C-alpha atoms as a PDB file:
ATOM      1  CA  MET A   1     -81.032  63.041  50.863  1.00  0.00           C
ATOM      2  CA  THR A   2     -82.168  60.302  48.534  1.00  0.00           C
ATOM      3  CA  GLU A   3     -80.243  61.695  45.563  1.00  0.00           C
ATOM      4  CA  ASN A   4     -76.603  62.572  45.085  1.00  0.00           C
ATOM      5  CA  ALA A   5     -75.135  64.203  48.178  1.00  0.00           C
ATOM      6  CA  THR A   6     -72.216  66.640  48.196  1.00  0.00           C
ATOM      7  CA  VAL A   7     -69.353  65.579  50.452  1.00  0.00           C
ATOM      8  CA  ARG A   8     -66.441  67.908  51.213  1.00  0.00           C
ATOM      9  CA  CYS A   9     -63.084  66.422  52.172  1.00  0.00           C
ATOM     10  CA  PRO A  10     -61.946  68.061  55.435  1.00  0.00           C
ATOM     11  CA  ASP A  11     -58.281  67.724  54.427  1.00  0.00           C
ATOM     12  CA  CYS A  12     -58.148  69.236  50.920  1.00  0.00           C
ATOM     13  CA  ARG A  13     -61.655  70.829  50.844  1.00  0.00           C
ATOM     14  CA  ARG A  14     -62.437  69.164  47.542  1.00  0.00           C
ATOM     15  CA  GLU A  15     -66.134  68.441  46.936  1.00  0.00           C
ATOM     16  CA  HIS A  16     -67.416  65.068  45.775  1.00  0.00           C
ATOM     17  CA  HIS A  17     -70.824  63.805  44.724  1.00  0.00           C
ATOM     18  CA  TYR A  18     -71.955  60.659  46.504  1.00  0.00           C
ATOM     19  CA  ASN A  19     -74.957  58.560  45.519  1.00  0.00           C
ATOM     20  CA  PRO A  20     -76.424  56.704  48.544  1.00  0.00           C
ATOM     21  CA  THR A  21     -76.586  52.946  48.131  1.00  0.00           C
ATOM     22  CA  ASN A  22     -79.731  50.823  48.391  1.00  0.00           C
ATOM     23  CA  TYR A  23     -79.507  47.321  49.870  1.00  0.00           C
ATOM     24  CA  PRO A  24     -82.129  44.558  49.553  1.00  0.00           C
ATOM     25  CA  CYS A  25     -83.937  43.773  52.805  1.00  0.00           C
ATOM     26  CA  PRO A  26     -85.206  40.142  52.971  1.00  0.00           C
ATOM     27  CA  CYS A  27     -88.749  41.569  52.926  1.00  0.00           C
ATOM     28  CA  GLY A  28     -88.074  43.035  49.474  1.00  0.00           C
ATOM     29  CA  THR A  29     -87.955  46.703  50.486  1.00  0.00           C
ATOM     30  CA  PRO A  30     -84.814  48.611  49.390  1.00  0.00           C
ATOM     31  CA  VAL A  31     -82.910  49.919  52.421  1.00  0.00           C
ATOM     32  CA  SER A  32     -81.323  53.281  51.625  1.00  0.00           C
ATOM     33  CA  LEU A  33     -78.206  54.351  53.508  1.00  0.00           C
ATOM     34  CA  THR A  34     -79.009  58.061  53.392  1.00  0.00           C
ATOM     35  CA  LEU A  35     -76.195  60.351  54.489  1.00  0.00           C
ATOM     36  CA  ALA A  36     -76.707  62.551  57.539  1.00  0.00           C
ATOM     37  CA  SER A  37     -76.413  66.092  56.165  1.00  0.00           C
ATOM     38  CA  ASP A  38     -75.874  67.582  59.640  1.00  0.00           C
ATOM     39  CA  GLN A  39     -72.762  65.502  60.340  1.00  0.00           C
ATOM     40  CA  PRO A  40     -69.366  65.947  58.643  1.00  0.00           C
ATOM     41  CA  PRO A  41     -67.420  63.064  57.070  1.00  0.00           C
ATOM     42  CA  VAL A  42     -64.761  61.539  59.299  1.00  0.00           C
ATOM     43  CA  PRO A  43     -61.248  60.684  58.004  1.00  0.00           C
ATOM     44  CA  VAL A  44     -60.429  57.011  58.535  1.00  0.00           C
ATOM     45  CA  LEU A  45     -57.077  56.811  60.287  1.00  0.00           C
ATOM     46  CA  ARG A  46     -57.370  53.286  61.649  1.00  0.00           C
ATOM     47  CA  ARG A  47     -60.008  50.727  60.729  1.00  0.00           C
ATOM     48  CA  ASN A  48     -61.482  47.990  62.846  1.00  0.00           C
ATOM     49  CA  TRP A  49     -64.154  45.483  61.879  1.00  0.00           C
ATOM     50  CA  SER A  50     -67.000  47.157  63.773  1.00  0.00           C
ATOM     51  CA  ASP A  51     -66.373  50.461  61.961  1.00  0.00           C
ATOM     52  CA  CYS A  52     -67.057  48.796  58.601  1.00  0.00           C
ATOM     53  CA  TRP A  53     -70.755  48.270  59.356  1.00  0.00           C
ATOM     54  CA  VAL A  54     -73.782  50.392  60.118  1.00  0.00           C
ATOM     55  CA  SER A  55     -77.134  49.197  61.502  1.00  0.00           C
ATOM     56  CA  VAL A  56     -80.181  50.604  59.668  1.00  0.00           C
ATOM     57  CA  ARG A  57     -83.874  49.852  60.157  1.00  0.00           C
ATOM     58  CA  CYS A  58     -85.982  48.847  57.141  1.00  0.00           C
ATOM     59  CA  VAL A  59     -88.977  51.152  56.736  1.00  0.00           C
ATOM     60  CA  GLY A  60     -90.978  48.295  55.267  1.00  0.00           C
ATOM     61  CA  CYS A  61     -90.757  45.605  57.963  1.00  0.00           C
ATOM     62  CA  GLY A  62     -88.853  47.263  60.812  1.00  0.00           C
ATOM     63  CA  ARG A  63     -85.988  44.757  60.613  1.00  0.00           C
ATOM     64  CA  VAL A  64     -82.558  46.100  61.657  1.00  0.00           C
ATOM     65  CA  ASP A  65     -79.643  44.741  59.617  1.00  0.00           C
ATOM     66  CA  ASN A  66     -75.959  45.577  59.353  1.00  0.00           C
ATOM     67  CA  TRP A  67     -74.778  47.020  56.019  1.00  0.00           C
ATOM     68  CA  PRO A  68     -71.360  48.306  54.833  1.00  0.00           C
ATOM     69  CA  GLN A  69     -70.570  51.732  56.285  1.00  0.00           C
ATOM     70  CA  PRO A  70     -70.455  54.252  53.395  1.00  0.00           C
ATOM     71  CA  GLU A  71     -66.950  55.431  52.608  1.00  0.00           C
ATOM     72  CA  LEU A  72     -65.439  57.659  49.946  1.00  0.00           C
ATOM     73  CA  GLY A  73     -61.837  57.891  48.798  1.00  0.00           C
ATOM     74  CA  CYS A  74     -60.585  61.391  47.997  1.00  0.00           C
ATOM     75  CA  PRO A  75     -57.802  61.785  45.389  1.00  0.00           C
ATOM     76  CA  CYS A  76     -55.759  63.589  48.049  1.00  0.00           C
ATOM     77  CA  GLY A  77     -55.360  60.214  49.779  1.00  0.00           C
ATOM     78  CA  THR A  78     -57.890  60.691  52.577  1.00  0.00           C
ATOM     79  CA  LEU A  79     -60.452  57.945  53.107  1.00  0.00           C
ATOM     80  CA  LEU A  80     -63.705  59.354  54.489  1.00  0.00           C
ATOM     81  CA  ARG A  81     -66.317  57.574  56.574  1.00  0.00           C
ATOM     82  CA  LEU A  82     -69.756  59.057  55.827  1.00  0.00           C
ATOM     83  CA  PRO A  83     -72.296  59.339  58.692  1.00  0.00           C
ATOM     84  CA  VAL A  84     -75.653  57.721  57.988  1.00  0.00           C
ATOM     85  CA  ARG A  85     -79.036  59.131  58.928  1.00  0.00           C
ATOM     86  CA  GLY A  86     -81.283  56.799  60.915  1.00  0.00           C
ATOM     87  CA  ARG A  87     -78.438  54.661  62.197  1.00  0.00           C
ATOM     88  CA  GLN A  88     -79.639  52.173  64.808  1.00  0.00           C
ATOM     89  CA  ALA A  89     -77.966  50.517  67.736  1.00  0.00           C
ATOM     90  CA  PRO A  90     -77.099  46.958  66.677  1.00  0.00           C
ATOM     91  CA  ALA A  91     -80.013  44.595  67.195  1.00  0.00           C
ATOM     92  CA  GLY A  92     -77.712  41.722  68.070  1.00  0.00           C
ATOM     93  CA  ALA A  93     -74.245  40.447  67.474  1.00  0.00           C
ATOM     94  CA  GLU A  94     -72.121  42.018  64.759  1.00  0.00           C
ATOM     95  CA  PRO A  95     -71.528  40.035  61.593  1.00  0.00           C
ATOM     96  CA  SER A  96     -69.735  36.817  62.444  1.00  0.00           C
ATOM     97  CA  ALA A  97     -66.095  36.581  61.564  1.00  0.00           C
ATOM     98  CA  SER A  98     -63.612  33.844  61.090  1.00  0.00           C
ATOM     99  CA  PRO A  99     -60.747  33.453  63.616  1.00  0.00           C
ATOM    100  CA  THR A 100     -58.628  35.785  61.468  1.00  0.00           C
ATOM    101  CA  GLY A 101     -61.202  38.563  61.689  1.00  0.00           C
ATOM    102  CA  ARG A 102     -62.526  37.970  58.193  1.00  0.00           C
ATOM    103  CA  ALA A 103     -66.232  37.852  57.373  1.00  0.00           C
ATOM    104  CA  THR A 104     -67.730  34.527  56.366  1.00  0.00           C
ATOM    105  CA  ASP A 105     -69.781  34.191  53.175  1.00  0.00           C
ATOM    106  CA  ALA A 106     -72.954  33.538  55.166  1.00  0.00           C
ATOM    107  CA  HIS A 107     -72.780  36.948  56.845  1.00  0.00           C
ATOM    108  CA  ARG A 108     -71.337  39.017  53.998  1.00  0.00           C
ATOM    109  CA  PRO A 109     -73.768  41.373  52.257  1.00  0.00           C
ATOM    110  CA  ALA A 110     -73.706  41.711  48.496  1.00  0.00           C
ATOM    111  CA  PHE A 111     -70.668  43.530  47.133  1.00  0.00           C
ATOM    112  CA  GLN A 112     -71.464  46.986  45.747  1.00  0.00           C
ATOM    113  CA  PRO A 113     -69.220  47.535  42.701  1.00  0.00           C
ATOM    114  CA  VAL A 114     -67.638  50.809  41.609  1.00  0.00           C
ATOM    115  CA  THR A 115     -68.084  51.635  37.915  1.00  0.00           C
ATOM    116  CA  ILE A 116     -64.630  51.865  36.350  1.00  0.00           C
ATOM    117  CA  ARG A 117     -63.952  54.840  34.099  1.00  0.00           C
ATOM    118  CA  THR A 118     -60.405  55.716  35.196  1.00  0.00           C
ATOM    119  CA  ALA A 119     -57.362  54.014  36.682  1.00  0.00           C
ATOM    120  CA  HIS A 120     -58.308  55.529  40.039  1.00  0.00           C
ATOM    121  CA  ASP A 121     -61.713  53.827  39.814  1.00  0.00           C
ATOM    122  CA  ALA A 122     -59.982  50.475  39.284  1.00  0.00           C
ATOM    123  CA  LEU A 123     -57.873  51.082  42.368  1.00  0.00           C
ATOM    124  CA  LEU A 124     -60.948  52.046  44.370  1.00  0.00           C
ATOM    125  CA  ALA A 125     -62.863  48.957  43.192  1.00  0.00           C
ATOM    126  CA  ALA A 126     -60.054  46.640  44.293  1.00  0.00           C
ATOM    127  CA  ASP A 127     -59.715  48.540  47.595  1.00  0.00           C
ATOM    128  CA  GLN A 128     -63.420  48.172  48.374  1.00  0.00           C
ATOM    129  CA  TYR A 129     -63.430  44.526  47.348  1.00  0.00           C
ATOM    130  CA  LEU A 130     -60.585  43.670  49.720  1.00  0.00           C
ATOM    131  CA  ARG A 131     -62.329  45.512  52.538  1.00  0.00           C
ATOM    132  CA  TRP A 132     -65.545  43.676  51.651  1.00  0.00           C
ATOM    133  CA  LEU A 133     -63.622  40.414  52.032  1.00  0.00           C
ATOM    134  CA  GLY A 134     -62.719  41.532  55.549  1.00  0.00           C
ATOM    135  CA  HIS A 135     -59.143  42.790  55.181  1.00  0.00           C
ATOM    136  CA  ARG A 136     -58.475  45.624  57.600  1.00  0.00           C
ATOM    137  CA  ASP A 137     -56.851  49.017  57.094  1.00  0.00           C
ATOM    138  CA  VAL A 138     -56.567  48.727  53.300  1.00  0.00           C
ATOM    139  CA  ARG A 139     -55.183  51.953  51.878  1.00  0.00           C
ATOM    140  CA  ALA A 140     -53.931  53.103  48.500  1.00  0.00           C
ATOM    141  CA  ALA A 141     -50.237  53.820  48.167  1.00  0.00           C
ATOM    142  CA  GLY A 142     -50.869  56.884  45.957  1.00  0.00           C
ATOM    143  CA  SER A 143     -48.678  56.987  42.857  1.00  0.00           C
ATOM    144  CA  ARG A 144     -47.252  53.508  42.414  1.00  0.00           C
ATOM    145  CA  PRO A 145     -44.030  53.134  44.422  1.00  0.00           C
ATOM    146  CA  ALA A 146     -41.001  51.222  43.168  1.00  0.00           C
ATOM    147  CA  SER A 147     -42.231  48.173  45.081  1.00  0.00           C
ATOM    148  CA  GLY A 148     -45.235  47.877  42.762  1.00  0.00           C
ATOM    149  CA  VAL A 149     -47.650  47.649  45.698  1.00  0.00           C
ATOM    150  CA  ASP A 150     -50.797  49.703  45.012  1.00  0.00           C
ATOM    151  CA  LEU A 151     -52.855  48.635  48.030  1.00  0.00           C
ATOM    152  CA  ARG A 152     -51.639  47.690  51.454  1.00  0.00           C
ATOM    153  CA  GLY A 153     -53.642  46.393  54.402  1.00  0.00           C
ATOM    154  CA  HIS A 154     -53.108  44.791  57.775  1.00  0.00           C
ATOM    155  CA  ASP A 155     -52.764  41.341  56.227  1.00  0.00           C
ATOM    156  CA  ILE A 156     -52.552  41.856  52.472  1.00  0.00           C
ATOM    157  CA  VAL A 157     -50.699  43.638  49.663  1.00  0.00           C
ATOM    158  CA  ALA A 158     -52.135  44.036  46.171  1.00  0.00           C
ATOM    159  CA  ARG A 159     -51.258  45.295  42.723  1.00  0.00           C
ATOM    160  CA  VAL A 160     -53.894  46.831  40.433  1.00  0.00           C
ATOM    161  CA  GLU A 161     -53.221  46.808  36.679  1.00  0.00           C
ATOM    162  CA  ALA A 162     -55.549  49.252  34.897  1.00  0.00           C
ATOM    163  CA  GLY A 163     -53.820  49.253  31.510  1.00  0.00           C
ATOM    164  CA  THR A 164     -55.050  47.784  28.227  1.00  0.00           C
ATOM    165  CA  ALA A 165     -52.331  45.122  27.914  1.00  0.00           C
ATOM    166  CA  PRO A 166     -52.507  41.785  29.731  1.00  0.00           C
ATOM    167  CA  THR A 167     -50.624  41.686  33.037  1.00  0.00           C
ATOM    168  CA  THR A 168     -47.117  40.267  32.667  1.00  0.00           C
ATOM    169  CA  VAL A 169     -45.071  37.630  34.467  1.00  0.00           C
ATOM    170  CA  ARG A 170     -42.875  40.371  35.930  1.00  0.00           C
ATOM    171  CA  ALA A 171     -45.870  42.120  37.524  1.00  0.00           C
ATOM    172  CA  VAL A 172     -47.086  38.826  38.992  1.00  0.00           C
ATOM    173  CA  GLU A 173     -43.685  37.942  40.420  1.00  0.00           C
ATOM    174  CA  THR A 174     -43.166  41.457  41.808  1.00  0.00           C
ATOM    175  CA  ILE A 175     -46.326  41.478  43.925  1.00  0.00           C
ATOM    176  CA  TRP A 176     -45.707  37.884  45.032  1.00  0.00           C
ATOM    177  CA  LEU A 177     -42.208  38.818  46.216  1.00  0.00           C
ATOM    178  CA  ASN A 178     -43.643  41.751  48.175  1.00  0.00           C
ATOM    179  CA  GLY A 179     -46.059  39.438  49.925  1.00  0.00           C
ATOM    180  CA  LEU A 180     -43.268  36.962  50.622  1.00  0.00           C
ATOM    181  CA  SER A 181     -40.929  39.612  52.055  1.00  0.00           C
ATOM    182  CA  GLU A 182     -43.684  40.962  54.319  1.00  0.00           C
ATOM    183  CA  SER A 183     -44.995  37.503  55.291  1.00  0.00           C
ATOM    184  CA  THR A 184     -48.484  38.439  54.160  1.00  0.00           C
ATOM    185  CA  THR A 185     -51.026  37.502  51.493  1.00  0.00           C
ATOM    186  CA  ALA A 186     -50.577  39.016  48.026  1.00  0.00           C
ATOM    187  CA  ALA A 187     -53.102  39.490  45.232  1.00  0.00           C
ATOM    188  CA  CYS A 188     -53.272  41.029  41.781  1.00  0.00           C
ATOM    189  CA  PHE A 189     -56.197  42.732  40.021  1.00  0.00           C
ATOM    190  CA  SER A 190     -56.224  43.363  36.267  1.00  0.00           C
ATOM    191  CA  LEU A 191     -58.602  45.031  33.813  1.00  0.00           C
ATOM    192  CA  ALA A 192     -57.065  43.394  30.741  1.00  0.00           C
ATOM    193  CA  GLY A 193     -56.509  39.919  32.146  1.00  0.00           C
ATOM    194  CA  TYR A 194     -53.228  38.028  32.283  1.00  0.00           C
ATOM    195  CA  ALA A 195     -50.712  36.799  29.749  1.00  0.00           C
ATOM    196  CA  PRO A 196     -50.671  32.964  29.623  1.00  0.00           C
ATOM    197  CA  ARG A 197     -47.205  32.795  31.197  1.00  0.00           C
ATOM    198  CA  ALA A 198     -48.285  35.189  33.950  1.00  0.00           C
ATOM    199  CA  ARG A 199     -51.331  33.045  34.750  1.00  0.00           C
ATOM    200  CA  ALA A 200     -49.226  29.873  34.837  1.00  0.00           C
ATOM    201  CA  ARG A 201     -46.583  31.514  37.036  1.00  0.00           C
ATOM    202  CA  ALA A 202     -49.227  32.781  39.478  1.00  0.00           C
ATOM    203  CA  ASP A 203     -50.617  29.260  39.786  1.00  0.00           C
ATOM    204  CA  GLU A 204     -47.112  27.976  40.558  1.00  0.00           C
ATOM    205  CA  LEU A 205     -46.620  30.640  43.231  1.00  0.00           C
ATOM    206  CA  GLY A 206     -50.115  30.410  44.719  1.00  0.00           C
ATOM    207  CA  LEU A 207     -50.782  34.088  43.949  1.00  0.00           C
ATOM    208  CA  ALA A 208     -54.426  35.181  43.886  1.00  0.00           C
ATOM    209  CA  LEU A 209     -55.468  36.648  40.529  1.00  0.00           C
ATOM    210  CA  PHE A 210     -58.622  38.670  39.907  1.00  0.00           C
ATOM    211  CA  VAL A 211     -59.963  40.335  36.782  1.00  0.00           C
ATOM    212  CA  LEU A 212     -62.011  43.535  36.880  1.00  0.00           C
ATOM    213  CA  ASP A 213     -64.765  44.336  34.426  1.00  0.00           C
ATOM    214  CA  LEU A 214     -65.986  47.877  33.796  1.00  0.00           C
ATOM    215  CA  THR A 215     -68.776  47.441  36.354  1.00  0.00           C
ATOM    216  CA  GLY A 216     -66.034  47.184  38.991  1.00  0.00           C
ATOM    217  CA  THR A 217     -66.822  43.616  40.020  1.00  0.00           C
ATOM    218  CA  PRO A 218     -63.693  41.491  40.617  1.00  0.00           C
ATOM    219  CA  GLN A 219     -63.796  37.851  39.537  1.00  0.00           C
ATOM    220  CA  ALA A 220     -61.435  35.184  40.825  1.00  0.00           C
ATOM    221  CA  VAL A 221     -59.532  33.517  37.974  1.00  0.00           C
ATOM    222  CA  ASN A 222     -57.501  30.902  39.835  1.00  0.00           C
ATOM    223  CA  GLU A 223     -57.738  28.645  42.862  1.00  0.00           C
ATOM    224  CA  ALA A 224     -55.616  30.950  45.032  1.00  0.00           C
ATOM    225  CA  ALA A 225     -58.114  33.770  44.442  1.00  0.00           C
ATOM    226  CA  GLU A 226     -61.053  31.501  45.243  1.00  0.00           C
ATOM    227  CA  ARG A 227     -59.370  30.539  48.528  1.00  0.00           C
ATOM    228  CA  LEU A 228     -58.913  34.227  49.315  1.00  0.00           C
ATOM    229  CA  VAL A 229     -62.612  34.861  48.708  1.00  0.00           C
ATOM    230  CA  ARG A 230     -63.473  31.951  51.004  1.00  0.00           C
ATOM    231  CA  GLY A 231     -61.144  33.360  53.694  1.00  0.00           C
ATOM    232  CA  GLU A 232     -58.865  30.321  53.645  1.00  0.00           C
ATOM    233  CA  THR A 233     -55.553  32.160  53.241  1.00  0.00           C
END
């Protein structure tokens, strides 16, 4: 399956179309993570670092590298891990991690963005970005709860603003307070950027701010976000 594959959620039976991702091998050959059509998707109930990677051999040079394990979020709330055809036993140690279990920049593959067309896409892009940074067990909260937390992981909470107006001071302070009350890192993602007062307040609080463009690639906009990317928080 080198083209779009059909994936059925085992919980709600909804079908999704998934386009396998190509990654750049150092030899220059694209490595395709082709889904195994004879294996069903597996709901992710608990994530650990090793589950986030899959070892695949390059058909060009024979090199075995670790790449992000394909996953798909169903609107019903189920996160699916997608089996990969041609998966190899790891050729060596798994990607190195910092003492907190986070990947270091030197061992992190390129982030694969999610094109943003809907508010759900924005949520999914932020979810995948946090998992790419190495945060474990990140899951969407569904419809936004009163707490204002859209994403929650083992060591992080995040808010995702997908509206057309700049994110406000109140939104910034709300997610910061959630992180403070849970003694964990907090972050905010926004499609429309931040009001000047919100940006200044986030800098005062040390809250990580990211902006999302329509390609689904988050960009750090303050020092707290850059520290989060470097794994220093």
